[in-house]
């Protein structure tokens, strides 16, 4: 999530749009989460975007 240049709501909306597109084209074995906002988003949206995918928080 890009909270450095926009607020959490806008960043969440942009990420949702990107994931809708990416998940329709690709599959993933794992997701690396780089900050707390990304971790929170992944947990909240785990069933939709990350079912049975390992989440790795740095």
C-alpha atoms as a PDB file:
ATOM      1  CA  UNK A   1       0.000   0.000   0.000  1.00  0.00           C
ATOM      2  CA  UNK A   2       1.220   3.462  -0.784  1.00  0.00           C
ATOM      3  CA  UNK A   3       0.421   5.506   2.307  1.00  0.00           C
ATOM      4  CA  UNK A   4       3.431   7.732   1.820  1.00  0.00           C
ATOM      5  CA  UNK A   5       1.744   9.813  -0.889  1.00  0.00           C
ATOM      6  CA  UNK A   6      -1.976   9.321  -0.171  1.00  0.00           C
ATOM      7  CA  UNK A   7      -4.192   8.532   2.799  1.00  0.00           C
ATOM      8  CA  UNK A   8      -5.106   4.967   3.811  1.00  0.00           C
ATOM      9  CA  UNK A   9      -8.568   5.052   2.217  1.00  0.00           C
ATOM     10  CA  UNK A  10      -7.271   6.096  -1.194  1.00  0.00           C
ATOM     11  CA  UNK A  11      -4.353   3.655  -0.962  1.00  0.00           C
ATOM     12  CA  UNK A  12      -6.750   0.836  -0.071  1.00  0.00           C
ATOM     13  CA  UNK A  13      -9.027   1.626  -3.015  1.00  0.00           C
ATOM     14  CA  UNK A  14      -6.099   1.710  -5.450  1.00  0.00           C
ATOM     15  CA  UNK A  15      -4.730  -1.567  -4.122  1.00  0.00           C
ATOM     16  CA  UNK A  16      -8.147  -3.205  -4.389  1.00  0.00           C
ATOM     17  CA  UNK A  17      -8.400  -2.165  -8.049  1.00  0.00           C
ATOM     18  CA  UNK A  18      -4.882  -3.442  -8.766  1.00  0.00           C
ATOM     19  CA  UNK A  19      -5.486  -6.767  -7.001  1.00  0.00           C
ATOM     20  CA  UNK A  20      -8.777  -7.308  -8.836  1.00  0.00           C
ATOM     21  CA  UNK A  21      -6.848  -7.008 -12.091  1.00  0.00           C
ATOM     22  CA  UNK A  22      -3.755  -8.979 -11.033  1.00  0.00           C
ATOM     23  CA  UNK A  23      -5.644 -11.855  -9.412  1.00  0.00           C
ATOM     24  CA  UNK A  24      -7.645 -12.350 -12.591  1.00  0.00           C
ATOM     25  CA  UNK A  25      -4.388 -12.888 -14.536  1.00  0.00           C
ATOM     26  CA  UNK A  26      -1.916 -14.486 -12.120  1.00  0.00           C
ATOM     27  CA  UNK A  27      -1.690 -16.867  -9.182  1.00  0.00           C
ATOM     28  CA  UNK A  28       0.679 -16.462  -6.258  1.00  0.00           C
ATOM     29  CA  UNK A  29       2.416 -18.844  -3.869  1.00  0.00           C
ATOM     30  CA  UNK A  30       3.209 -16.198  -1.254  1.00  0.00           C
ATOM     31  CA  UNK A  31       2.774 -12.503  -0.551  1.00  0.00           C
ATOM     32  CA  UNK A  32       5.411 -10.353   1.153  1.00  0.00           C
ATOM     33  CA  UNK A  33       3.952  -7.543   3.255  1.00  0.00           C
ATOM     34  CA  UNK A  34       6.280  -4.615   3.822  1.00  0.00           C
ATOM     35  CA  UNK A  35       4.460  -2.524   6.415  1.00  0.00           C
ATOM     36  CA  UNK A  36       1.682  -2.547   8.974  1.00  0.00           C
ATOM     37  CA  UNK A  37      -0.903  -1.067   6.595  1.00  0.00           C
ATOM     38  CA  UNK A  38      -0.233  -3.836   4.061  1.00  0.00           C
ATOM     39  CA  UNK A  39      -0.477  -6.440   6.812  1.00  0.00           C
ATOM     40  CA  UNK A  40      -3.814  -5.039   8.021  1.00  0.00           C
ATOM     41  CA  UNK A  41      -5.154  -4.931   4.450  1.00  0.00           C
ATOM     42  CA  UNK A  42      -4.066  -8.517   3.782  1.00  0.00           C
ATOM     43  CA  UNK A  43      -5.706  -9.807   6.946  1.00  0.00           C
ATOM     44  CA  UNK A  44      -8.947  -7.924   6.234  1.00  0.00           C
ATOM     45  CA  UNK A  45      -9.049  -9.172   2.624  1.00  0.00           C
ATOM     46  CA  UNK A  46      -7.476 -12.600   3.081  1.00  0.00           C
ATOM     47  CA  UNK A  47     -10.546 -14.579   1.991  1.00  0.00           C
ATOM     48  CA  UNK A  48     -10.972 -12.544  -1.189  1.00  0.00           C
ATOM     49  CA  UNK A  49      -7.375 -12.199  -2.417  1.00  0.00           C
ATOM     50  CA  UNK A  50      -5.107 -14.503  -0.407  1.00  0.00           C
ATOM     51  CA  UNK A  51      -6.875 -17.780   0.419  1.00  0.00           C
ATOM     52  CA  UNK A  52      -4.393 -20.576   1.066  1.00  0.00           C
ATOM     53  CA  UNK A  53      -1.473 -18.248   0.269  1.00  0.00           C
ATOM     54  CA  UNK A  54       1.375 -17.702   2.718  1.00  0.00           C
ATOM     55  CA  UNK A  55       1.612 -14.151   4.023  1.00  0.00           C
ATOM     56  CA  UNK A  56       5.104 -13.036   5.013  1.00  0.00           C
ATOM     57  CA  UNK A  57       5.404  -9.875   7.103  1.00  0.00           C
ATOM     58  CA  UNK A  58       8.775  -8.140   7.227  1.00  0.00           C
END
